[in-house]
Amino acid sequence: MEKDVQVVGFRVGNETYGVRISAVREIVRVPEITSVPNAPEAIEGVINLRGKIIPVTDLRKRFGRAEARPDKKNRILVVELGDKLLGLIVNSASEVLKIPPSEIEMPGSMLAEDESSYVTGVGKLDGRLIILVDIAKLLHRSEYKRIEEAAEPVPSVR
């Protein structure tokens, strides 16, 4: 029997998304974000997380949602992208979801071409749909390159 896929669930707008738990380092409240001149539009700025400078992107903008006002529920998912850390602002992040592989469907042709590259599937769990995304494919190549330049390498802890 295949093991359940474990993802960290988070919300952007009214949708629930999930990223593999292995990609998420931690979830933090949104601290003060320092803007960076000439940063790509998707990059909000950088944060200092225990002495590490981490670039932050707003997934609400990346997913084409109207710009959301700051809220106490907003969180930053700190994810590993290669050997770098990246912060992703989401409306809320809370739960670890366990989705049986039999309940995950491929995204198919319902998604636009650029969306289908980062959506890896749609999971069904207790009547909810969870859009599964691949963080590495979420950013455009140019954005990823700029983030790589801004982020400090992460020492391996595994």
N, C-alpha and C. Protein backbone atom coordinates (compact mmCIF):
# COMPACT_ATOMS: atom_id res chain seq x y z
N MET A 1 0.83 -1.19 0.00
CA MET A 1 0.00 0.00 0.00
C MET A 1 0.87 1.25 0.00
N GLU A 2 0.53 2.20 -0.87
CA GLU A 2 1.31 3.43 -0.94
C GLU A 2 1.03 4.31 0.28
N LYS A 3 2.09 5.02 0.70
CA LYS A 3 1.93 5.92 1.84
C LYS A 3 1.19 7.18 1.41
N ASP A 4 0.47 7.75 2.36
CA ASP A 4 -0.21 9.01 2.09
C ASP A 4 0.81 10.09 1.76
N VAL A 5 0.41 11.03 0.90
CA VAL A 5 1.24 12.17 0.57
C VAL A 5 1.00 13.22 1.65
N GLN A 6 2.07 13.65 2.33
CA GLN A 6 1.93 14.65 3.39
C GLN A 6 2.28 16.02 2.83
N VAL A 7 1.34 16.95 2.98
CA VAL A 7 1.55 18.31 2.49
C VAL A 7 1.19 19.30 3.59
N VAL A 8 1.79 20.47 3.53
CA VAL A 8 1.40 21.57 4.39
C VAL A 8 0.32 22.33 3.65
N GLY A 9 -0.84 22.43 4.28
CA GLY A 9 -1.96 23.12 3.65
C GLY A 9 -1.90 24.61 3.96
N PHE A 10 -2.20 25.41 2.94
CA PHE A 10 -2.26 26.86 3.14
C PHE A 10 -3.32 27.44 2.22
N ARG A 11 -3.77 28.64 2.57
CA ARG A 11 -4.83 29.28 1.79
C ARG A 11 -4.30 30.53 1.10
N VAL A 12 -4.74 30.68 -0.14
CA VAL A 12 -4.55 31.91 -0.90
C VAL A 12 -5.92 32.21 -1.46
N GLY A 13 -6.49 33.33 -1.04
CA GLY A 13 -7.88 33.61 -1.40
C GLY A 13 -8.76 32.56 -0.75
N ASN A 14 -9.68 31.99 -1.53
CA ASN A 14 -10.59 30.97 -0.99
C ASN A 14 -10.11 29.55 -1.26
N GLU A 15 -8.96 29.43 -1.92
CA GLU A 15 -8.47 28.11 -2.31
C GLU A 15 -7.49 27.55 -1.28
N THR A 16 -7.49 26.23 -1.15
CA THR A 16 -6.51 25.55 -0.31
C THR A 16 -5.47 24.92 -1.22
N TYR A 17 -4.21 25.20 -0.92
CA TYR A 17 -3.09 24.66 -1.67
C TYR A 17 -2.28 23.77 -0.74
N GLY A 18 -1.41 22.98 -1.33
CA GLY A 18 -0.54 22.15 -0.52
C GLY A 18 0.83 22.02 -1.17
N VAL A 19 1.87 22.05 -0.34
CA VAL A 19 3.23 21.77 -0.80
C VAL A 19 3.76 20.63 0.06
N ARG A 20 4.59 19.81 -0.54
CA ARG A 20 5.14 18.66 0.20
C ARG A 20 5.79 19.15 1.48
N ILE A 21 5.53 18.42 2.54
CA ILE A 21 6.04 18.81 3.86
C ILE A 21 7.56 18.87 3.86
N SER A 22 8.21 18.07 3.03
CA SER A 22 9.68 18.04 2.99
C SER A 22 10.26 19.35 2.46
N ALA A 23 9.46 20.16 1.73
CA ALA A 23 9.96 21.42 1.18
C ALA A 23 9.83 22.58 2.17
N VAL A 24 9.01 22.40 3.22
CA VAL A 24 8.73 23.49 4.16
C VAL A 24 9.66 23.39 5.37
N ARG A 25 10.41 24.46 5.61
CA ARG A 25 11.32 24.50 6.75
C ARG A 25 10.56 24.91 8.00
N GLU A 26 9.74 25.98 7.88
CA GLU A 26 8.94 26.43 9.02
C GLU A 26 7.87 27.40 8.55
N ILE A 27 6.94 27.72 9.46
CA ILE A 27 5.89 28.69 9.18
C ILE A 27 5.99 29.76 10.26
N VAL A 28 6.05 31.03 9.83
CA VAL A 28 6.23 32.12 10.78
C VAL A 28 5.19 33.21 10.52
N ARG A 29 4.95 34.02 11.56
CA ARG A 29 4.11 35.21 11.39
C ARG A 29 4.86 36.18 10.47
N VAL A 30 4.13 37.08 9.84
CA VAL A 30 4.76 38.02 8.92
C VAL A 30 5.45 39.13 9.72
N PRO A 31 6.79 39.17 9.68
CA PRO A 31 7.51 40.24 10.38
C PRO A 31 7.60 41.46 9.45
N GLU A 32 8.37 42.44 9.86
CA GLU A 32 8.58 43.60 8.99
C GLU A 32 9.37 43.14 7.77
N ILE A 33 8.90 43.56 6.59
CA ILE A 33 9.56 43.19 5.33
C ILE A 33 10.28 44.42 4.79
N THR A 34 11.56 44.26 4.49
CA THR A 34 12.36 45.35 3.94
C THR A 34 12.32 45.25 2.42
N SER A 35 11.85 46.32 1.76
CA SER A 35 11.77 46.26 0.31
C SER A 35 13.17 46.39 -0.29
N VAL A 36 13.34 45.79 -1.46
CA VAL A 36 14.62 45.78 -2.15
C VAL A 36 14.44 46.54 -3.47
N PRO A 37 15.28 47.57 -3.73
CA PRO A 37 15.14 48.32 -4.97
C PRO A 37 15.35 47.42 -6.19
N ASN A 38 14.59 47.68 -7.24
CA ASN A 38 14.69 46.97 -8.52
C ASN A 38 14.44 45.47 -8.42
N ALA A 39 13.75 45.04 -7.40
CA ALA A 39 13.43 43.61 -7.26
C ALA A 39 12.32 43.27 -8.26
N PRO A 40 12.24 42.01 -8.69
CA PRO A 40 11.13 41.61 -9.56
C PRO A 40 9.80 41.89 -8.86
N GLU A 41 8.75 42.06 -9.63
CA GLU A 41 7.45 42.42 -9.07
C GLU A 41 6.97 41.41 -8.03
N ALA A 42 7.27 40.15 -8.23
CA ALA A 42 6.79 39.11 -7.30
C ALA A 42 7.51 39.15 -5.96
N ILE A 43 8.66 39.79 -5.89
CA ILE A 43 9.43 39.83 -4.65
C ILE A 43 8.99 41.02 -3.82
N GLU A 44 8.49 40.73 -2.62
CA GLU A 44 8.05 41.79 -1.72
C GLU A 44 9.23 42.48 -1.04
N GLY A 45 10.28 41.73 -0.80
CA GLY A 45 11.44 42.25 -0.09
C GLY A 45 12.15 41.12 0.61
N VAL A 46 12.83 41.46 1.69
CA VAL A 46 13.56 40.44 2.46
C VAL A 46 13.18 40.56 3.94
N ILE A 47 13.34 39.44 4.66
CA ILE A 47 13.15 39.45 6.10
C ILE A 47 14.41 38.90 6.75
N ASN A 48 14.58 39.26 8.02
CA ASN A 48 15.69 38.73 8.80
C ASN A 48 15.08 37.68 9.73
N LEU A 49 15.42 36.42 9.47
CA LEU A 49 14.89 35.34 10.29
C LEU A 49 16.05 34.71 11.05
N ARG A 50 16.16 35.08 12.32
CA ARG A 50 17.24 34.59 13.17
C ARG A 50 18.62 34.76 12.52
N GLY A 51 18.84 35.95 11.96
CA GLY A 51 20.14 36.27 11.39
C GLY A 51 20.31 35.89 9.93
N LYS A 52 19.35 35.20 9.35
CA LYS A 52 19.40 34.85 7.93
C LYS A 52 18.53 35.81 7.14
N ILE A 53 19.06 36.31 6.02
CA ILE A 53 18.29 37.18 5.15
C ILE A 53 17.56 36.28 4.15
N ILE A 54 16.23 36.40 4.15
CA ILE A 54 15.41 35.53 3.31
C ILE A 54 14.53 36.39 2.40
N PRO A 55 14.62 36.18 1.08
CA PRO A 55 13.71 36.90 0.17
C PRO A 55 12.29 36.39 0.35
N VAL A 56 11.33 37.29 0.17
CA VAL A 56 9.92 36.95 0.38
C VAL A 56 9.14 37.31 -0.87
N THR A 57 8.30 36.38 -1.30
CA THR A 57 7.41 36.64 -2.43
C THR A 57 5.97 36.43 -1.94
N ASP A 58 5.06 37.17 -2.53
CA ASP A 58 3.66 37.10 -2.12
C ASP A 58 2.92 36.17 -3.08
N LEU A 59 2.52 35.01 -2.59
CA LEU A 59 1.83 34.06 -3.46
C LEU A 59 0.48 34.59 -3.92
N ARG A 60 -0.10 35.51 -3.17
CA ARG A 60 -1.38 36.07 -3.59
C ARG A 60 -1.19 36.82 -4.91
N LYS A 61 -0.08 37.55 -5.05
CA LYS A 61 0.21 38.24 -6.30
C LYS A 61 0.56 37.23 -7.39
N ARG A 62 1.36 36.24 -7.04
CA ARG A 62 1.81 35.24 -8.01
C ARG A 62 0.62 34.49 -8.60
N PHE A 63 -0.41 34.26 -7.78
CA PHE A 63 -1.58 33.55 -8.25
C PHE A 63 -2.63 34.49 -8.84
N GLY A 64 -2.27 35.77 -9.00
CA GLY A 64 -3.16 36.73 -9.65
C GLY A 64 -4.34 37.14 -8.81
N ARG A 65 -4.24 37.02 -7.51
CA ARG A 65 -5.32 37.44 -6.62
C ARG A 65 -5.19 38.95 -6.39
N ALA A 66 -6.30 39.56 -6.07
CA ALA A 66 -6.25 40.98 -5.72
C ALA A 66 -5.35 41.12 -4.50
N GLU A 67 -4.63 42.19 -4.44
CA GLU A 67 -3.70 42.37 -3.32
C GLU A 67 -4.47 42.36 -2.01
N ALA A 68 -4.07 41.49 -1.15
CA ALA A 68 -4.76 41.34 0.13
C ALA A 68 -4.14 42.27 1.16
N ARG A 69 -5.00 42.77 2.02
CA ARG A 69 -4.50 43.61 3.11
C ARG A 69 -3.85 42.72 4.15
N PRO A 70 -2.86 43.25 4.86
CA PRO A 70 -2.25 42.46 5.92
C PRO A 70 -3.30 42.05 6.95
N ASP A 71 -3.14 40.86 7.46
CA ASP A 71 -4.11 40.28 8.38
C ASP A 71 -3.32 39.48 9.41
N LYS A 72 -3.85 39.36 10.61
CA LYS A 72 -3.15 38.60 11.66
C LYS A 72 -2.98 37.13 11.29
N LYS A 73 -3.85 36.63 10.40
CA LYS A 73 -3.76 35.22 10.00
C LYS A 73 -2.68 34.98 8.95
N ASN A 74 -2.23 36.04 8.26
CA ASN A 74 -1.21 35.88 7.23
C ASN A 74 0.02 35.21 7.81
N ARG A 75 0.64 34.36 7.01
CA ARG A 75 1.84 33.65 7.44
C ARG A 75 2.86 33.65 6.31
N ILE A 76 4.09 33.36 6.70
CA ILE A 76 5.13 33.15 5.71
C ILE A 76 5.56 31.69 5.83
N LEU A 77 5.44 30.97 4.73
CA LEU A 77 5.98 29.62 4.65
C LEU A 77 7.43 29.78 4.26
N VAL A 78 8.33 29.32 5.08
CA VAL A 78 9.75 29.36 4.74
C VAL A 78 10.05 28.01 4.10
N VAL A 79 10.39 28.06 2.80
CA VAL A 79 10.59 26.83 2.05
C VAL A 79 12.03 26.75 1.55
N GLU A 80 12.47 25.54 1.31
CA GLU A 80 13.79 25.32 0.75
C GLU A 80 13.65 25.20 -0.75
N LEU A 81 14.45 25.98 -1.45
CA LEU A 81 14.48 25.97 -2.91
C LEU A 81 15.92 25.68 -3.27
N GLY A 82 16.22 24.42 -3.52
CA GLY A 82 17.62 24.04 -3.70
C GLY A 82 18.32 24.19 -2.37
N ASP A 83 19.40 24.97 -2.34
CA ASP A 83 20.10 25.20 -1.07
C ASP A 83 19.81 26.58 -0.50
N LYS A 84 18.71 27.21 -0.94
CA LYS A 84 18.33 28.54 -0.47
C LYS A 84 17.00 28.48 0.24
N LEU A 85 16.75 29.47 1.10
CA LEU A 85 15.45 29.60 1.75
C LEU A 85 14.68 30.73 1.07
N LEU A 86 13.38 30.57 0.99
CA LEU A 86 12.51 31.56 0.39
C LEU A 86 11.26 31.65 1.25
N GLY A 87 10.77 32.87 1.47
CA GLY A 87 9.54 33.06 2.21
C GLY A 87 8.38 33.28 1.26
N LEU A 88 7.27 32.63 1.53
CA LEU A 88 6.07 32.77 0.71
C LEU A 88 4.94 33.30 1.58
N ILE A 89 4.42 34.48 1.25
CA ILE A 89 3.31 35.05 2.03
C ILE A 89 2.02 34.41 1.54
N VAL A 90 1.25 33.89 2.51
CA VAL A 90 -0.05 33.27 2.21
C VAL A 90 -1.09 33.84 3.17
N ASN A 91 -2.36 33.66 2.83
CA ASN A 91 -3.42 34.17 3.70
C ASN A 91 -3.40 33.49 5.06
N SER A 92 -3.21 32.18 5.05
CA SER A 92 -3.09 31.44 6.30
C SER A 92 -2.45 30.09 6.00
N ALA A 93 -1.81 29.53 6.99
CA ALA A 93 -1.21 28.20 6.86
C ALA A 93 -1.39 27.52 8.19
N SER A 94 -1.84 26.28 8.15
CA SER A 94 -2.10 25.69 9.44
C SER A 94 -1.79 24.23 9.52
N GLU A 95 -2.30 23.47 8.62
CA GLU A 95 -2.38 22.05 8.87
C GLU A 95 -1.47 21.21 8.00
N VAL A 96 -1.12 20.05 8.52
CA VAL A 96 -0.47 19.04 7.71
C VAL A 96 -1.59 18.12 7.24
N LEU A 97 -1.69 17.97 5.93
CA LEU A 97 -2.73 17.14 5.35
C LEU A 97 -2.13 15.84 4.84
N LYS A 98 -2.81 14.74 5.07
CA LYS A 98 -2.37 13.44 4.57
C LYS A 98 -3.37 13.00 3.51
N ILE A 99 -2.90 12.96 2.27
CA ILE A 99 -3.79 12.65 1.16
C ILE A 99 -3.40 11.29 0.56
N PRO A 100 -4.32 10.34 0.52
CA PRO A 100 -4.00 9.05 -0.10
C PRO A 100 -3.70 9.26 -1.59
N PRO A 101 -2.68 8.59 -2.13
CA PRO A 101 -2.34 8.74 -3.55
C PRO A 101 -3.53 8.47 -4.48
N SER A 102 -4.43 7.59 -4.07
CA SER A 102 -5.60 7.27 -4.89
C SER A 102 -6.56 8.46 -5.00
N GLU A 103 -6.41 9.44 -4.11
CA GLU A 103 -7.28 10.61 -4.11
C GLU A 103 -6.63 11.84 -4.78
N ILE A 104 -5.53 11.62 -5.49
CA ILE A 104 -4.85 12.72 -6.19
C ILE A 104 -5.00 12.50 -7.69
N GLU A 105 -5.49 13.53 -8.36
CA GLU A 105 -5.64 13.47 -9.81
C GLU A 105 -4.67 14.45 -10.46
N MET A 106 -4.19 14.08 -11.63
CA MET A 106 -3.32 14.97 -12.38
C MET A 106 -4.13 16.20 -12.78
N PRO A 107 -3.44 17.36 -12.93
CA PRO A 107 -4.18 18.60 -13.20
C PRO A 107 -4.90 18.59 -14.55
N GLY A 108 -4.37 17.87 -15.54
CA GLY A 108 -5.04 17.78 -16.83
C GLY A 108 -5.04 19.09 -17.61
N SER A 109 -5.91 19.18 -18.55
CA SER A 109 -5.92 20.32 -19.47
C SER A 109 -6.79 21.47 -18.98
N MET A 110 -7.33 21.37 -17.75
CA MET A 110 -8.20 22.43 -17.25
C MET A 110 -7.44 23.69 -16.86
N LEU A 111 -6.11 23.57 -16.73
CA LEU A 111 -5.32 24.71 -16.29
C LEU A 111 -4.63 25.39 -17.46
N ALA A 112 -4.39 26.69 -17.33
CA ALA A 112 -3.65 27.42 -18.35
C ALA A 112 -2.23 26.86 -18.43
N GLU A 113 -1.58 27.03 -19.55
CA GLU A 113 -0.26 26.44 -19.80
C GLU A 113 0.75 26.77 -18.71
N ASP A 114 0.86 28.05 -18.30
CA ASP A 114 1.87 28.41 -17.30
C ASP A 114 1.49 27.91 -15.90
N GLU A 115 0.20 27.74 -15.62
CA GLU A 115 -0.21 27.21 -14.32
C GLU A 115 0.09 25.73 -14.21
N SER A 116 -0.11 25.00 -15.30
CA SER A 116 0.02 23.55 -15.22
C SER A 116 1.46 23.13 -14.95
N SER A 117 2.40 24.03 -15.17
CA SER A 117 3.79 23.65 -14.90
C SER A 117 4.07 23.52 -13.41
N TYR A 118 3.38 24.28 -12.57
CA TYR A 118 3.66 24.19 -11.14
C TYR A 118 2.57 23.46 -10.35
N VAL A 119 1.42 23.22 -10.93
CA VAL A 119 0.39 22.43 -10.27
C VAL A 119 0.66 20.97 -10.59
N THR A 120 0.94 20.18 -9.55
CA THR A 120 1.30 18.78 -9.76
C THR A 120 0.11 17.84 -9.64
N GLY A 121 -0.98 18.33 -9.08
CA GLY A 121 -2.16 17.50 -8.94
C GLY A 121 -3.22 18.19 -8.11
N VAL A 122 -4.37 17.57 -8.04
CA VAL A 122 -5.46 18.07 -7.21
C VAL A 122 -5.87 16.92 -6.29
N GLY A 123 -5.73 17.17 -4.98
CA GLY A 123 -6.07 16.14 -4.01
C GLY A 123 -7.47 16.33 -3.48
N LYS A 124 -8.15 15.22 -3.23
CA LYS A 124 -9.48 15.26 -2.64
C LYS A 124 -9.37 14.74 -1.21
N LEU A 125 -9.83 15.54 -0.26
CA LEU A 125 -9.74 15.17 1.14
C LEU A 125 -10.96 15.69 1.88
N ASP A 126 -11.76 14.80 2.42
CA ASP A 126 -12.96 15.17 3.20
C ASP A 126 -13.83 16.19 2.48
N GLY A 127 -14.06 15.97 1.20
CA GLY A 127 -14.93 16.86 0.44
C GLY A 127 -14.27 18.15 -0.02
N ARG A 128 -13.00 18.34 0.31
CA ARG A 128 -12.28 19.56 -0.09
C ARG A 128 -11.33 19.21 -1.23
N LEU A 129 -11.03 20.21 -2.04
CA LEU A 129 -10.02 20.06 -3.08
C LEU A 129 -8.78 20.82 -2.63
N ILE A 130 -7.63 20.16 -2.74
CA ILE A 130 -6.35 20.78 -2.38
C ILE A 130 -5.49 20.81 -3.63
N ILE A 131 -5.10 22.00 -4.05
CA ILE A 131 -4.28 22.15 -5.25
C ILE A 131 -2.83 21.95 -4.83
N LEU A 132 -2.19 20.92 -5.36
CA LEU A 132 -0.82 20.59 -5.00
C LEU A 132 0.14 21.33 -5.93
N VAL A 133 1.10 22.05 -5.33
CA VAL A 133 2.03 22.84 -6.14
C VAL A 133 3.48 22.44 -5.85
N ASP A 134 4.30 22.60 -6.87
CA ASP A 134 5.73 22.34 -6.77
C ASP A 134 6.42 23.70 -6.65
N ILE A 135 7.01 23.96 -5.49
CA ILE A 135 7.62 25.26 -5.21
C ILE A 135 8.71 25.59 -6.24
N ALA A 136 9.50 24.61 -6.63
CA ALA A 136 10.60 24.86 -7.56
C ALA A 136 10.10 25.36 -8.91
N LYS A 137 8.89 24.96 -9.30
CA LYS A 137 8.36 25.37 -10.60
C LYS A 137 7.44 26.58 -10.50
N LEU A 138 7.19 27.03 -9.27
CA LEU A 138 6.23 28.10 -9.04
C LEU A 138 6.72 29.45 -9.57
N LEU A 139 8.00 29.69 -9.45
CA LEU A 139 8.55 30.98 -9.88
C LEU A 139 9.04 30.89 -11.31
N HIS A 140 8.92 31.99 -12.02
CA HIS A 140 9.48 32.05 -13.37
C HIS A 140 11.00 32.00 -13.26
N ARG A 141 11.66 31.53 -14.29
CA ARG A 141 13.11 31.36 -14.26
C ARG A 141 13.84 32.64 -13.85
N SER A 142 13.42 33.78 -14.39
CA SER A 142 14.10 35.04 -14.05
C SER A 142 13.91 35.40 -12.58
N GLU A 143 12.72 35.14 -12.04
CA GLU A 143 12.47 35.41 -10.63
C GLU A 143 13.34 34.50 -9.77
N TYR A 144 13.42 33.25 -10.16
CA TYR A 144 14.22 32.29 -9.39
C TYR A 144 15.68 32.72 -9.37
N LYS A 145 16.18 33.17 -10.50
CA LYS A 145 17.57 33.60 -10.59
C LYS A 145 17.81 34.78 -9.64
N ARG A 146 16.90 35.75 -9.63
CA ARG A 146 17.04 36.93 -8.76
C ARG A 146 16.96 36.53 -7.30
N ILE A 147 16.10 35.57 -6.98
CA ILE A 147 15.98 35.11 -5.60
C ILE A 147 17.26 34.41 -5.18
N GLU A 148 17.79 33.58 -6.07
CA GLU A 148 19.05 32.88 -5.76
C GLU A 148 20.14 33.88 -5.41
N GLU A 149 20.19 34.99 -6.15
CA GLU A 149 21.21 36.01 -5.90
C GLU A 149 21.00 36.68 -4.55
N ALA A 150 19.74 36.84 -4.14
CA ALA A 150 19.45 37.57 -2.90
C ALA A 150 19.54 36.69 -1.66
N ALA A 151 19.35 35.39 -1.83
CA ALA A 151 19.29 34.51 -0.66
C ALA A 151 20.66 33.98 -0.26
N GLU A 152 20.79 33.75 1.04
CA GLU A 152 22.01 33.14 1.56
C GLU A 152 21.88 31.63 1.47
N PRO A 153 22.98 30.91 1.22
CA PRO A 153 22.89 29.45 1.20
C PRO A 153 22.52 28.93 2.59
N VAL A 154 21.83 27.81 2.59
CA VAL A 154 21.39 27.18 3.83
C VAL A 154 22.34 26.06 4.18
N PRO A 155 22.85 26.06 5.41
CA PRO A 155 23.68 24.91 5.79
C PRO A 155 22.79 23.68 5.89
N SER A 156 23.29 22.58 5.42
CA SER A 156 22.50 21.35 5.43
C SER A 156 22.39 20.83 6.87
N VAL A 157 21.16 20.47 7.25
CA VAL A 157 20.93 19.95 8.61
C VAL A 157 20.46 18.52 8.55
N ARG A 158 20.42 17.97 7.37
CA ARG A 158 19.92 16.58 7.23
C ARG A 158 21.03 15.62 7.02
